[in-house]
C-alpha cells in the first residue's frame, strides 16, 4: 500500500525515514519573456519591492485569481472531508467563505504581510528567465536571483498571467504548482546501490578538502541549471561554518519516490556538531548523478499545546479557512 506524506514531514527524514521529492521543476527558463509587456511588469514589480513600496507591488497582483484559487481549494477540502455535503451546502459555504475568510480586504492584508516578512526592501536582482507553467496551469513563471540588503542570496519564483490584454503578477500560479507537488507516493525503503554510496562518499570526501567547485561540477545538469554556482557555494560555506569539516557520515536510509529517483538521509558528523542532511539521486540510463542536496533539514511544525478540540459536526456551518500563503520557495 502506497503512502502519502506532506512536505513538512521532510524534516523527519533522518529520524523517521520519511522522504519525498517534488516533481521536476519546469523546463529550463529561457531568457526571452512571453511578451515584452510581461517583462516590463516584472521589472516594475521587483522595483516596487526593492523600494519598499509594497502597496504598489500588491496592486500589480491578480488578487481576484488568488481569491478564486483559495476558494476552490477550500471547497474541495471540505467536500473531501464531508462527502455528504450537497451542492446547496457548498454554495452556502462558498458564500460564507467569500464574505468572511476570503473578504478582499482580509486577503490583501494577508498578502501584504507576506511581502513585508520577505524583507525585500534594498534588494538587488537578476532575472534568470521565463518558462510556461507546467501541466495545465495557465500562466508563466519567472525565475529571479535576488540578494537582500544584508547580502543574503535568495531565489524568487514569480507567477505571471495574461488577463485579456493586461499582464498581472499571479501568486496563484506559484501556489497551485506548490500545492500539486505537496504530496507524492513514497515507495519502500531500500539499501542504496553501490554507485549511489560511491557518489555520496566522494561528495563528502571533497568537503573535507574544501573542493567545492568540483563538487558543484559533478552535480547533475538539472541541479546546476536551477542552482547557480554562487548560491551553492554560499550554502556549502554556511554548512561548513556551522558544522565544521565533515569527519564521518552515516547513511540512515534510502527511499524511492518515483522511478529512477532515490533520496538518502545522511547524518554528517562535523568537527562542531552532528547534522542530518538529505541527498537526492537520479538515474539516467545506467548512470546515477547527485540531483539535489539539502544541507539543513526543514524544521517540523511544533506540536499543539492546547487540548485537542472535540470533533466538528459532519456538516460544517462555519468552516475555518486560514489559508497558508507563505511562499513555498
C-alpha atoms as a PDB file:
ATOM      1  CA  UNK A   1       0.000   0.000   0.000  1.00  0.00           C
ATOM      2  CA  UNK A   2       1.441   3.330  -1.018  1.00  0.00           C
ATOM      3  CA  UNK A   3       1.812   6.103   1.490  1.00  0.00           C
ATOM      4  CA  UNK A   4       1.224   9.825   1.062  1.00  0.00           C
ATOM      5  CA  UNK A   5       3.202  12.366   3.095  1.00  0.00           C
ATOM      6  CA  UNK A   6       3.406  16.151   3.264  1.00  0.00           C
ATOM      7  CA  UNK A   7       6.341  18.369   2.503  1.00  0.00           C
ATOM      8  CA  UNK A   8       6.583  19.408   6.156  1.00  0.00           C
ATOM      9  CA  UNK A   9       7.465  15.811   7.020  1.00  0.00           C
ATOM     10  CA  UNK A  10      10.784  16.241   5.237  1.00  0.00           C
ATOM     11  CA  UNK A  11      12.352  17.424   8.481  1.00  0.00           C
ATOM     12  CA  UNK A  12      11.920  13.954   9.952  1.00  0.00           C
ATOM     13  CA  UNK A  13      13.789  12.058   7.228  1.00  0.00           C
ATOM     14  CA  UNK A  14      16.939  11.217   9.166  1.00  0.00           C
ATOM     15  CA  UNK A  15      14.942  10.342  12.270  1.00  0.00           C
ATOM     16  CA  UNK A  16      11.810   8.618  10.974  1.00  0.00           C
ATOM     17  CA  UNK A  17      12.721   7.589   7.451  1.00  0.00           C
ATOM     18  CA  UNK A  18      10.011   9.651   5.704  1.00  0.00           C
ATOM     19  CA  UNK A  19      11.146  11.182   2.417  1.00  0.00           C
ATOM     20  CA  UNK A  20       9.586  12.999  -0.501  1.00  0.00           C
ATOM     21  CA  UNK A  21      10.578  14.653  -3.715  1.00  0.00           C
ATOM     22  CA  UNK A  22       8.613  17.274  -5.584  1.00  0.00           C
ATOM     23  CA  UNK A  23       8.015  16.879  -9.290  1.00  0.00           C
ATOM     24  CA  UNK A  24      10.646  18.029 -11.689  1.00  0.00           C
ATOM     25  CA  UNK A  25      10.950  21.809 -11.993  1.00  0.00           C
ATOM     26  CA  UNK A  26       9.622  23.481 -15.129  1.00  0.00           C
ATOM     27  CA  UNK A  27      11.699  23.261 -18.273  1.00  0.00           C
ATOM     28  CA  UNK A  28      14.816  25.374 -18.279  1.00  0.00           C
ATOM     29  CA  UNK A  29      13.995  29.039 -18.136  1.00  0.00           C
ATOM     30  CA  UNK A  30      14.507  30.903 -21.393  1.00  0.00           C
ATOM     31  CA  UNK A  31      15.824  34.468 -21.377  1.00  0.00           C
ATOM     32  CA  UNK A  32      13.068  35.739 -23.674  1.00  0.00           C
ATOM     33  CA  UNK A  33       9.833  36.756 -21.911  1.00  0.00           C
ATOM     34  CA  UNK A  34       6.468  35.560 -23.240  1.00  0.00           C
ATOM     35  CA  UNK A  35       5.651  39.199 -24.024  1.00  0.00           C
ATOM     36  CA  UNK A  36       7.602  42.469 -23.651  1.00  0.00           C
ATOM     37  CA  UNK A  37       4.744  43.758 -21.506  1.00  0.00           C
ATOM     38  CA  UNK A  38       5.245  40.834 -19.117  1.00  0.00           C
ATOM     39  CA  UNK A  39       8.922  41.698 -18.737  1.00  0.00           C
ATOM     40  CA  UNK A  40       8.072  45.344 -18.125  1.00  0.00           C
ATOM     41  CA  UNK A  41       5.521  44.377 -15.477  1.00  0.00           C
ATOM     42  CA  UNK A  42       8.020  42.130 -13.712  1.00  0.00           C
ATOM     43  CA  UNK A  43      10.683  44.852 -13.664  1.00  0.00           C
ATOM     44  CA  UNK A  44       8.181  47.315 -12.202  1.00  0.00           C
ATOM     45  CA  UNK A  45       7.031  44.801  -9.611  1.00  0.00           C
ATOM     46  CA  UNK A  46      10.571  43.997  -8.477  1.00  0.00           C
ATOM     47  CA  UNK A  47      11.413  47.703  -8.352  1.00  0.00           C
ATOM     48  CA  UNK A  48       8.465  48.356  -6.043  1.00  0.00           C
ATOM     49  CA  UNK A  49       9.600  45.514  -3.784  1.00  0.00           C
ATOM     50  CA  UNK A  50      13.161  46.822  -3.675  1.00  0.00           C
ATOM     51  CA  UNK A  51      11.925  50.331  -2.878  1.00  0.00           C
ATOM     52  CA  UNK A  52       9.726  49.026  -0.081  1.00  0.00           C
ATOM     53  CA  UNK A  53       6.546  50.237  -1.790  1.00  0.00           C
ATOM     54  CA  UNK A  54       4.664  47.039  -1.002  1.00  0.00           C
ATOM     55  CA  UNK A  55       1.201  48.505  -1.568  1.00  0.00           C
ATOM     56  CA  UNK A  56       2.185  49.431  -5.124  1.00  0.00           C
ATOM     57  CA  UNK A  57       3.608  45.926  -5.645  1.00  0.00           C
ATOM     58  CA  UNK A  58       0.406  44.375  -4.295  1.00  0.00           C
ATOM     59  CA  UNK A  59      -1.663  46.468  -6.708  1.00  0.00           C
ATOM     60  CA  UNK A  60       0.048  44.628  -9.595  1.00  0.00           C
ATOM     61  CA  UNK A  61      -1.058  41.195  -8.347  1.00  0.00           C
ATOM     62  CA  UNK A  62      -4.053  39.262  -9.639  1.00  0.00           C
ATOM     63  CA  UNK A  63      -5.921  39.219  -6.330  1.00  0.00           C
ATOM     64  CA  UNK A  64      -9.158  38.017  -7.928  1.00  0.00           C
ATOM     65  CA  UNK A  65      -7.413  34.939  -9.315  1.00  0.00           C
ATOM     66  CA  UNK A  66      -5.737  34.233  -5.974  1.00  0.00           C
ATOM     67  CA  UNK A  67      -9.054  34.586  -4.154  1.00  0.00           C
ATOM     68  CA  UNK A  68     -10.770  32.166  -6.559  1.00  0.00           C
ATOM     69  CA  UNK A  69      -7.935  29.661  -6.261  1.00  0.00           C
ATOM     70  CA  UNK A  70      -8.115  29.664  -2.464  1.00  0.00           C
ATOM     71  CA  UNK A  71     -11.897  29.372  -2.530  1.00  0.00           C
ATOM     72  CA  UNK A  72     -11.815  26.397  -4.896  1.00  0.00           C
ATOM     73  CA  UNK A  73      -9.119  24.724  -2.818  1.00  0.00           C
ATOM     74  CA  UNK A  74     -11.026  25.198   0.436  1.00  0.00           C
ATOM     75  CA  UNK A  75     -14.315  23.912  -1.006  1.00  0.00           C
ATOM     76  CA  UNK A  76     -12.527  20.846  -2.379  1.00  0.00           C
ATOM     77  CA  UNK A  77     -11.055  20.164   1.066  1.00  0.00           C
ATOM     78  CA  UNK A  78     -14.475  20.456   2.710  1.00  0.00           C
ATOM     79  CA  UNK A  79     -16.070  18.170   0.121  1.00  0.00           C
ATOM     80  CA  UNK A  80     -13.313  15.577   0.593  1.00  0.00           C
ATOM     81  CA  UNK A  81     -13.702  15.602   4.383  1.00  0.00           C
ATOM     82  CA  UNK A  82     -17.511  15.619   4.298  1.00  0.00           C
ATOM     83  CA  UNK A  83     -18.717  13.780   1.161  1.00  0.00           C
ATOM     84  CA  UNK A  84     -22.372  14.124   2.176  1.00  0.00           C
ATOM     85  CA  UNK A  85     -22.310  17.871   1.503  1.00  0.00           C
ATOM     86  CA  UNK A  86     -24.784  18.727  -1.238  1.00  0.00           C
ATOM     87  CA  UNK A  87     -24.353  21.321  -3.970  1.00  0.00           C
ATOM     88  CA  UNK A  88     -26.635  23.618  -1.963  1.00  0.00           C
ATOM     89  CA  UNK A  89     -24.445  23.133   1.095  1.00  0.00           C
ATOM     90  CA  UNK A  90     -21.325  24.010  -0.900  1.00  0.00           C
ATOM     91  CA  UNK A  91     -22.954  27.118  -2.334  1.00  0.00           C
ATOM     92  CA  UNK A  92     -23.856  28.267   1.169  1.00  0.00           C
ATOM     93  CA  UNK A  93     -20.335  27.586   2.422  1.00  0.00           C
ATOM     94  CA  UNK A  94     -18.870  29.377  -0.577  1.00  0.00           C
ATOM     95  CA  UNK A  95     -20.872  32.487   0.237  1.00  0.00           C
ATOM     96  CA  UNK A  96     -19.756  32.370   3.881  1.00  0.00           C
ATOM     97  CA  UNK A  97     -16.105  31.952   2.963  1.00  0.00           C
ATOM     98  CA  UNK A  98     -16.162  34.795   0.449  1.00  0.00           C
ATOM     99  CA  UNK A  99     -17.844  37.157   2.902  1.00  0.00           C
ATOM    100  CA  UNK A 100     -15.612  36.302   5.839  1.00  0.00           C
ATOM    101  CA  UNK A 101     -12.326  34.440   5.473  1.00  0.00           C
ATOM    102  CA  UNK A 102     -11.706  35.497   1.875  1.00  0.00           C
ATOM    103  CA  UNK A 103     -13.063  39.009   2.065  1.00  0.00           C
ATOM    104  CA  UNK A 104     -10.928  41.109  -0.319  1.00  0.00           C
ATOM    105  CA  UNK A 105      -9.621  43.354   2.472  1.00  0.00           C
ATOM    106  CA  UNK A 106      -8.568  40.341   4.545  1.00  0.00           C
ATOM    107  CA  UNK A 107      -6.808  38.683   1.627  1.00  0.00           C
ATOM    108  CA  UNK A 108      -4.952  41.892   0.815  1.00  0.00           C
ATOM    109  CA  UNK A 109      -3.854  42.136   4.434  1.00  0.00           C
ATOM    110  CA  UNK A 110      -2.510  38.566   4.350  1.00  0.00           C
ATOM    111  CA  UNK A 111      -0.616  39.066   1.094  1.00  0.00           C
ATOM    112  CA  UNK A 112       0.788  42.390   2.268  1.00  0.00           C
ATOM    113  CA  UNK A 113       2.027  40.721   5.430  1.00  0.00           C
ATOM    114  CA  UNK A 114       3.798  38.058   3.382  1.00  0.00           C
ATOM    115  CA  UNK A 115       5.554  40.682   1.268  1.00  0.00           C
ATOM    116  CA  UNK A 116       6.574  42.531   4.398  1.00  0.00           C
ATOM    117  CA  UNK A 117       8.007  39.420   6.067  1.00  0.00           C
ATOM    118  CA  UNK A 118      10.071  38.592   2.977  1.00  0.00           C
ATOM    119  CA  UNK A 119      12.266  41.643   3.616  1.00  0.00           C
ATOM    120  CA  UNK A 120      12.538  42.793   0.001  1.00  0.00           C
ATOM    121  CA  UNK A 121      13.477  46.487   0.530  1.00  0.00           C
ATOM    122  CA  UNK A 122      17.008  47.215  -0.624  1.00  0.00           C
ATOM    123  CA  UNK A 123      17.395  44.007  -2.608  1.00  0.00           C
ATOM    124  CA  UNK A 124      19.099  43.705  -5.978  1.00  0.00           C
ATOM    125  CA  UNK A 125      18.055  41.119  -8.511  1.00  0.00           C
ATOM    126  CA  UNK A 126      18.757  39.354 -11.790  1.00  0.00           C
ATOM    127  CA  UNK A 127      16.021  37.785 -13.901  1.00  0.00           C
ATOM    128  CA  UNK A 128      17.238  34.323 -14.906  1.00  0.00           C
ATOM    129  CA  UNK A 129      14.462  33.678 -17.389  1.00  0.00           C
ATOM    130  CA  UNK A 130      10.879  32.707 -18.079  1.00  0.00           C
ATOM    131  CA  UNK A 131       9.045  29.413 -18.518  1.00  0.00           C
ATOM    132  CA  UNK A 132       5.472  28.362 -19.159  1.00  0.00           C
ATOM    133  CA  UNK A 133       3.790  26.953 -16.050  1.00  0.00           C
ATOM    134  CA  UNK A 134       3.809  23.130 -16.047  1.00  0.00           C
ATOM    135  CA  UNK A 135       0.880  20.765 -16.503  1.00  0.00           C
ATOM    136  CA  UNK A 136      -2.363  22.519 -17.407  1.00  0.00           C
ATOM    137  CA  UNK A 137      -1.760  25.580 -15.246  1.00  0.00           C
ATOM    138  CA  UNK A 138      -2.448  28.787 -17.139  1.00  0.00           C
ATOM    139  CA  UNK A 139       0.367  31.289 -16.838  1.00  0.00           C
ATOM    140  CA  UNK A 140       4.135  31.670 -16.765  1.00  0.00           C
ATOM    141  CA  UNK A 141       6.926  31.602 -14.233  1.00  0.00           C
ATOM    142  CA  UNK A 142       9.842  33.976 -13.868  1.00  0.00           C
ATOM    143  CA  UNK A 143      12.974  32.847 -12.048  1.00  0.00           C
ATOM    144  CA  UNK A 144      14.825  35.592 -10.183  1.00  0.00           C
ATOM    145  CA  UNK A 145      18.080  35.528  -8.268  1.00  0.00           C
ATOM    146  CA  UNK A 146      17.932  38.212  -5.591  1.00  0.00           C
ATOM    147  CA  UNK A 147      20.318  39.490  -2.959  1.00  0.00           C
ATOM    148  CA  UNK A 148      18.938  41.147   0.147  1.00  0.00           C
ATOM    149  CA  UNK A 149      20.199  44.393   1.611  1.00  0.00           C
ATOM    150  CA  UNK A 150      22.197  42.293   4.090  1.00  0.00           C
ATOM    151  CA  UNK A 151      23.917  40.363   1.284  1.00  0.00           C
ATOM    152  CA  UNK A 152      21.905  37.145   1.542  1.00  0.00           C
ATOM    153  CA  UNK A 153      21.154  35.389  -1.755  1.00  0.00           C
ATOM    154  CA  UNK A 154      17.591  34.186  -2.185  1.00  0.00           C
ATOM    155  CA  UNK A 155      15.902  32.707  -5.276  1.00  0.00           C
ATOM    156  CA  UNK A 156      12.419  34.038  -6.064  1.00  0.00           C
ATOM    157  CA  UNK A 157       9.779  32.441  -8.279  1.00  0.00           C
ATOM    158  CA  UNK A 158       7.126  34.840  -9.593  1.00  0.00           C
ATOM    159  CA  UNK A 159       3.951  33.879 -11.428  1.00  0.00           C
ATOM    160  CA  UNK A 160       2.712  35.843 -14.430  1.00  0.00           C
ATOM    161  CA  UNK A 161      -0.661  35.634 -16.147  1.00  0.00           C
ATOM    162  CA  UNK A 162      -2.318  37.485 -19.030  1.00  0.00           C
ATOM    163  CA  UNK A 163      -5.878  38.632 -18.380  1.00  0.00           C
ATOM    164  CA  UNK A 164      -7.310  39.946 -21.606  1.00  0.00           C
ATOM    165  CA  UNK A 165      -4.725  42.420 -22.895  1.00  0.00           C
ATOM    166  CA  UNK A 166      -3.138  43.014 -19.488  1.00  0.00           C
ATOM    167  CA  UNK A 167      -0.401  41.123 -17.675  1.00  0.00           C
ATOM    168  CA  UNK A 168      -0.580  40.666 -13.896  1.00  0.00           C
ATOM    169  CA  UNK A 169       1.618  39.157 -11.211  1.00  0.00           C
ATOM    170  CA  UNK A 170      -0.071  35.876 -10.267  1.00  0.00           C
ATOM    171  CA  UNK A 171       0.643  34.397  -6.820  1.00  0.00           C
ATOM    172  CA  UNK A 172      -1.938  31.687  -7.532  1.00  0.00           C
ATOM    173  CA  UNK A 173       0.225  30.227 -10.325  1.00  0.00           C
ATOM    174  CA  UNK A 174       3.068  29.539  -7.890  1.00  0.00           C
ATOM    175  CA  UNK A 175       0.708  28.382  -5.130  1.00  0.00           C
ATOM    176  CA  UNK A 176      -1.030  25.900  -7.417  1.00  0.00           C
ATOM    177  CA  UNK A 177       2.288  24.452  -8.557  1.00  0.00           C
ATOM    178  CA  UNK A 178       3.396  24.016  -4.944  1.00  0.00           C
ATOM    179  CA  UNK A 179       0.038  22.532  -3.928  1.00  0.00           C
ATOM    180  CA  UNK A 180       0.164  19.923  -6.689  1.00  0.00           C
ATOM    181  CA  UNK A 181       3.637  18.910  -5.553  1.00  0.00           C
ATOM    182  CA  UNK A 182       2.807  18.889  -1.867  1.00  0.00           C
ATOM    183  CA  UNK A 183       2.334  15.120  -1.740  1.00  0.00           C
ATOM    184  CA  UNK A 184       3.910  12.230  -3.543  1.00  0.00           C
ATOM    185  CA  UNK A 185       3.723   8.462  -3.449  1.00  0.00           C
ATOM    186  CA  UNK A 186       6.604   7.019  -1.471  1.00  0.00           C
ATOM    187  CA  UNK A 187       7.978   3.622  -2.221  1.00  0.00           C
ATOM    188  CA  UNK A 188       9.732   1.160   0.078  1.00  0.00           C
ATOM    189  CA  UNK A 189      12.926   1.761   1.980  1.00  0.00           C
ATOM    190  CA  UNK A 190      15.843   0.177   0.178  1.00  0.00           C
ATOM    191  CA  UNK A 191      19.586  -0.155   0.537  1.00  0.00           C
ATOM    192  CA  UNK A 192      21.321   2.481  -1.625  1.00  0.00           C
ATOM    193  CA  UNK A 193      23.038   0.956  -4.668  1.00  0.00           C
ATOM    194  CA  UNK A 194      26.859   0.828  -4.593  1.00  0.00           C
ATOM    195  CA  UNK A 195      27.018   3.578  -7.248  1.00  0.00           C
ATOM    196  CA  UNK A 196      24.993   5.904  -5.017  1.00  0.00           C
ATOM    197  CA  UNK A 197      27.126   5.107  -1.985  1.00  0.00           C
ATOM    198  CA  UNK A 198      30.258   5.884  -4.018  1.00  0.00           C
ATOM    199  CA  UNK A 199      28.816   9.228  -5.185  1.00  0.00           C
ATOM    200  CA  UNK A 200      27.883  10.198  -1.641  1.00  0.00           C
ATOM    201  CA  UNK A 201      31.286   9.211  -0.276  1.00  0.00           C
ATOM    202  CA  UNK A 202      33.032  11.238  -2.969  1.00  0.00           C
ATOM    203  CA  UNK A 203      30.762  14.202  -2.246  1.00  0.00           C
ATOM    204  CA  UNK A 204      31.547  14.367   1.472  1.00  0.00           C
ATOM    205  CA  UNK A 205      35.212  13.487   0.970  1.00  0.00           C
ATOM    206  CA  UNK A 206      35.620  16.569  -1.210  1.00  0.00           C
ATOM    207  CA  UNK A 207      34.017  18.626   1.544  1.00  0.00           C
ATOM    208  CA  UNK A 208      36.883  17.560   3.773  1.00  0.00           C
ATOM    209  CA  UNK A 209      39.332  19.131   1.337  1.00  0.00           C
ATOM    210  CA  UNK A 210      37.190  22.168   0.522  1.00  0.00           C
ATOM    211  CA  UNK A 211      36.991  21.259  -3.183  1.00  0.00           C
ATOM    212  CA  UNK A 212      33.555  22.842  -3.559  1.00  0.00           C
ATOM    213  CA  UNK A 213      33.919  23.818  -7.230  1.00  0.00           C
ATOM    214  CA  UNK A 214      34.475  20.183  -8.198  1.00  0.00           C
ATOM    215  CA  UNK A 215      31.512  19.101  -6.099  1.00  0.00           C
ATOM    216  CA  UNK A 216      29.287  21.546  -7.968  1.00  0.00           C
ATOM    217  CA  UNK A 217      30.650  20.452 -11.352  1.00  0.00           C
ATOM    218  CA  UNK A 218      29.796  16.830 -10.511  1.00  0.00           C
ATOM    219  CA  UNK A 219      26.166  17.624  -9.694  1.00  0.00           C
ATOM    220  CA  UNK A 220      23.548  16.784 -12.294  1.00  0.00           C
ATOM    221  CA  UNK A 221      22.936  19.185 -15.170  1.00  0.00           C
ATOM    222  CA  UNK A 222      19.371  19.746 -13.892  1.00  0.00           C
ATOM    223  CA  UNK A 223      20.682  20.789 -10.487  1.00  0.00           C
ATOM    224  CA  UNK A 224      23.237  23.191 -11.972  1.00  0.00           C
ATOM    225  CA  UNK A 225      20.522  24.667 -14.197  1.00  0.00           C
ATOM    226  CA  UNK A 226      18.314  25.571 -11.249  1.00  0.00           C
ATOM    227  CA  UNK A 227      21.008  26.379  -8.635  1.00  0.00           C
ATOM    228  CA  UNK A 228      23.733  28.882  -9.618  1.00  0.00           C
ATOM    229  CA  UNK A 229      27.298  28.217  -8.518  1.00  0.00           C
ATOM    230  CA  UNK A 230      27.322  31.224  -6.192  1.00  0.00           C
ATOM    231  CA  UNK A 231      24.179  30.011  -4.419  1.00  0.00           C
ATOM    232  CA  UNK A 232      25.651  26.542  -3.962  1.00  0.00           C
ATOM    233  CA  UNK A 233      28.929  27.912  -2.632  1.00  0.00           C
ATOM    234  CA  UNK A 234      27.078  30.175  -0.207  1.00  0.00           C
ATOM    235  CA  UNK A 235      25.017  27.310   1.202  1.00  0.00           C
ATOM    236  CA  UNK A 236      28.010  24.991   1.336  1.00  0.00           C
ATOM    237  CA  UNK A 237      30.134  27.541   3.175  1.00  0.00           C
ATOM    238  CA  UNK A 238      27.337  28.230   5.643  1.00  0.00           C
ATOM    239  CA  UNK A 239      27.159  24.479   6.284  1.00  0.00           C
ATOM    240  CA  UNK A 240      30.915  24.311   6.959  1.00  0.00           C
ATOM    241  CA  UNK A 241      30.782  27.344   9.233  1.00  0.00           C
ATOM    242  CA  UNK A 242      28.032  25.739  11.297  1.00  0.00           C
ATOM    243  CA  UNK A 243      29.001  22.066  11.305  1.00  0.00           C
ATOM    244  CA  UNK A 244      32.731  22.174  10.665  1.00  0.00           C
ATOM    245  CA  UNK A 245      34.691  19.890   8.368  1.00  0.00           C
ATOM    246  CA  UNK A 246      32.951  16.510   7.997  1.00  0.00           C
ATOM    247  CA  UNK A 247      34.787  13.844   9.976  1.00  0.00           C
ATOM    248  CA  UNK A 248      32.473  10.963   9.100  1.00  0.00           C
ATOM    249  CA  UNK A 249      28.999  10.330   7.736  1.00  0.00           C
ATOM    250  CA  UNK A 250      26.372   7.632   8.127  1.00  0.00           C
ATOM    251  CA  UNK A 251      23.675   6.565   5.672  1.00  0.00           C
ATOM    252  CA  UNK A 252      20.382   6.445   7.543  1.00  0.00           C
ATOM    253  CA  UNK A 253      18.108   5.042   4.865  1.00  0.00           C
ATOM    254  CA  UNK A 254      17.198   5.397   1.204  1.00  0.00           C
ATOM    255  CA  UNK A 255      13.665   5.791  -0.153  1.00  0.00           C
ATOM    256  CA  UNK A 256      12.407   5.757  -3.717  1.00  0.00           C
ATOM    257  CA  UNK A 257       9.863   8.453  -4.549  1.00  0.00           C
ATOM    258  CA  UNK A 258       9.448   7.778  -8.272  1.00  0.00           C
ATOM    259  CA  UNK A 259      11.151   5.507 -10.816  1.00  0.00           C
ATOM    260  CA  UNK A 260      14.872   6.179 -11.047  1.00  0.00           C
ATOM    261  CA  UNK A 261      14.758   8.686  -8.159  1.00  0.00           C
ATOM    262  CA  UNK A 262      16.261   7.971  -4.761  1.00  0.00           C
ATOM    263  CA  UNK A 263      16.571  10.056  -1.597  1.00  0.00           C
ATOM    264  CA  UNK A 264      19.139   9.202   1.041  1.00  0.00           C
ATOM    265  CA  UNK A 265      19.291  10.559   4.570  1.00  0.00           C
ATOM    266  CA  UNK A 266      22.877  11.149   5.643  1.00  0.00           C
ATOM    267  CA  UNK A 267      23.981  12.026   9.165  1.00  0.00           C
ATOM    268  CA  UNK A 268      27.145  14.108   8.842  1.00  0.00           C
ATOM    269  CA  UNK A 269      29.386  14.364  11.888  1.00  0.00           C
ATOM    270  CA  UNK A 270      31.330  17.578  11.613  1.00  0.00           C
ATOM    271  CA  UNK A 271      34.080  18.959  13.794  1.00  0.00           C
ATOM    272  CA  UNK A 272      31.470  21.070  15.638  1.00  0.00           C
ATOM    273  CA  UNK A 273      28.220  19.086  15.597  1.00  0.00           C
ATOM    274  CA  UNK A 274      26.134  16.335  14.010  1.00  0.00           C
ATOM    275  CA  UNK A 275      23.936  17.488  11.105  1.00  0.00           C
ATOM    276  CA  UNK A 276      21.209  15.499   9.306  1.00  0.00           C
ATOM    277  CA  UNK A 277      21.224  16.133   5.558  1.00  0.00           C
ATOM    278  CA  UNK A 278      19.244  14.911   2.583  1.00  0.00           C
ATOM    279  CA  UNK A 279      20.729  13.873  -0.760  1.00  0.00           C
ATOM    280  CA  UNK A 280      18.740  13.226  -3.932  1.00  0.00           C
ATOM    281  CA  UNK A 281      19.956  10.949  -6.709  1.00  0.00           C
ATOM    282  CA  UNK A 282      18.604  10.342 -10.210  1.00  0.00           C
ATOM    283  CA  UNK A 283      19.384   7.531 -12.608  1.00  0.00           C
ATOM    284  CA  UNK A 284      19.573   8.315 -16.319  1.00  0.00           C
ATOM    285  CA  UNK A 285      20.168   5.220 -18.381  1.00  0.00           C
ATOM    286  CA  UNK A 286      22.730   3.310 -16.318  1.00  0.00           C
ATOM    287  CA  UNK A 287      24.309   6.365 -14.677  1.00  0.00           C
ATOM    288  CA  UNK A 288      23.468   7.804 -11.277  1.00  0.00           C
ATOM    289  CA  UNK A 289      24.021  11.505 -10.539  1.00  0.00           C
ATOM    290  CA  UNK A 290      23.500  13.698  -7.487  1.00  0.00           C
ATOM    291  CA  UNK A 291      20.362  15.672  -8.280  1.00  0.00           C
ATOM    292  CA  UNK A 292      19.805  17.520  -5.001  1.00  0.00           C
ATOM    293  CA  UNK A 293      21.400  18.330  -1.665  1.00  0.00           C
ATOM    294  CA  UNK A 294      19.814  19.866   1.401  1.00  0.00           C
ATOM    295  CA  UNK A 295      22.425  20.841   3.943  1.00  0.00           C
ATOM    296  CA  UNK A 296      19.853  21.622   6.606  1.00  0.00           C
ATOM    297  CA  UNK A 297      16.581  19.795   7.081  1.00  0.00           C
ATOM    298  CA  UNK A 298      13.437  21.945   7.370  1.00  0.00           C
ATOM    299  CA  UNK A 299      12.062  22.335  10.869  1.00  0.00           C
ATOM    300  CA  UNK A 300       8.932  20.332  11.587  1.00  0.00           C
ATOM    301  CA  UNK A 301       5.894  22.154  12.866  1.00  0.00           C
ATOM    302  CA  UNK A 302       5.708  22.442  16.659  1.00  0.00           C
ATOM    303  CA  UNK A 303       3.081  20.223  18.283  1.00  0.00           C
ATOM    304  CA  UNK A 304      -0.044  21.992  19.529  1.00  0.00           C
ATOM    305  CA  UNK A 305      -0.041  22.955  23.195  1.00  0.00           C
ATOM    306  CA  UNK A 306      -3.779  23.373  23.626  1.00  0.00           C
ATOM    307  CA  UNK A 307      -6.063  20.346  24.165  1.00  0.00           C
ATOM    308  CA  UNK A 308      -7.483  18.820  21.029  1.00  0.00           C
ATOM    309  CA  UNK A 309     -10.963  20.275  20.396  1.00  0.00           C
ATOM    310  CA  UNK A 310     -13.931  17.910  20.044  1.00  0.00           C
ATOM    311  CA  UNK A 311     -14.700  16.617  16.526  1.00  0.00           C
ATOM    312  CA  UNK A 312     -16.528  19.056  14.289  1.00  0.00           C
ATOM    313  CA  UNK A 313     -20.073  18.199  13.190  1.00  0.00           C
ATOM    314  CA  UNK A 314     -20.441  16.223   9.979  1.00  0.00           C
ATOM    315  CA  UNK A 315     -21.939  19.213   8.201  1.00  0.00           C
ATOM    316  CA  UNK A 316     -19.747  22.282   8.806  1.00  0.00           C
ATOM    317  CA  UNK A 317     -21.629  25.540   9.003  1.00  0.00           C
ATOM    318  CA  UNK A 318     -18.768  27.871   9.893  1.00  0.00           C
ATOM    319  CA  UNK A 319     -15.726  26.391   8.153  1.00  0.00           C
ATOM    320  CA  UNK A 320     -12.324  27.527   9.270  1.00  0.00           C
ATOM    321  CA  UNK A 321     -10.302  28.978   6.411  1.00  0.00           C
ATOM    322  CA  UNK A 322      -6.861  30.121   7.334  1.00  0.00           C
ATOM    323  CA  UNK A 323      -5.036  29.930   4.013  1.00  0.00           C
ATOM    324  CA  UNK A 324      -1.352  29.237   4.281  1.00  0.00           C
ATOM    325  CA  UNK A 325       0.003  31.729   1.784  1.00  0.00           C
ATOM    326  CA  UNK A 326       3.612  31.566   2.855  1.00  0.00           C
ATOM    327  CA  UNK A 327       5.689  31.208  -0.338  1.00  0.00           C
ATOM    328  CA  UNK A 328       6.806  27.593  -0.602  1.00  0.00           C
ATOM    329  CA  UNK A 329      10.099  28.554  -2.049  1.00  0.00           C
END
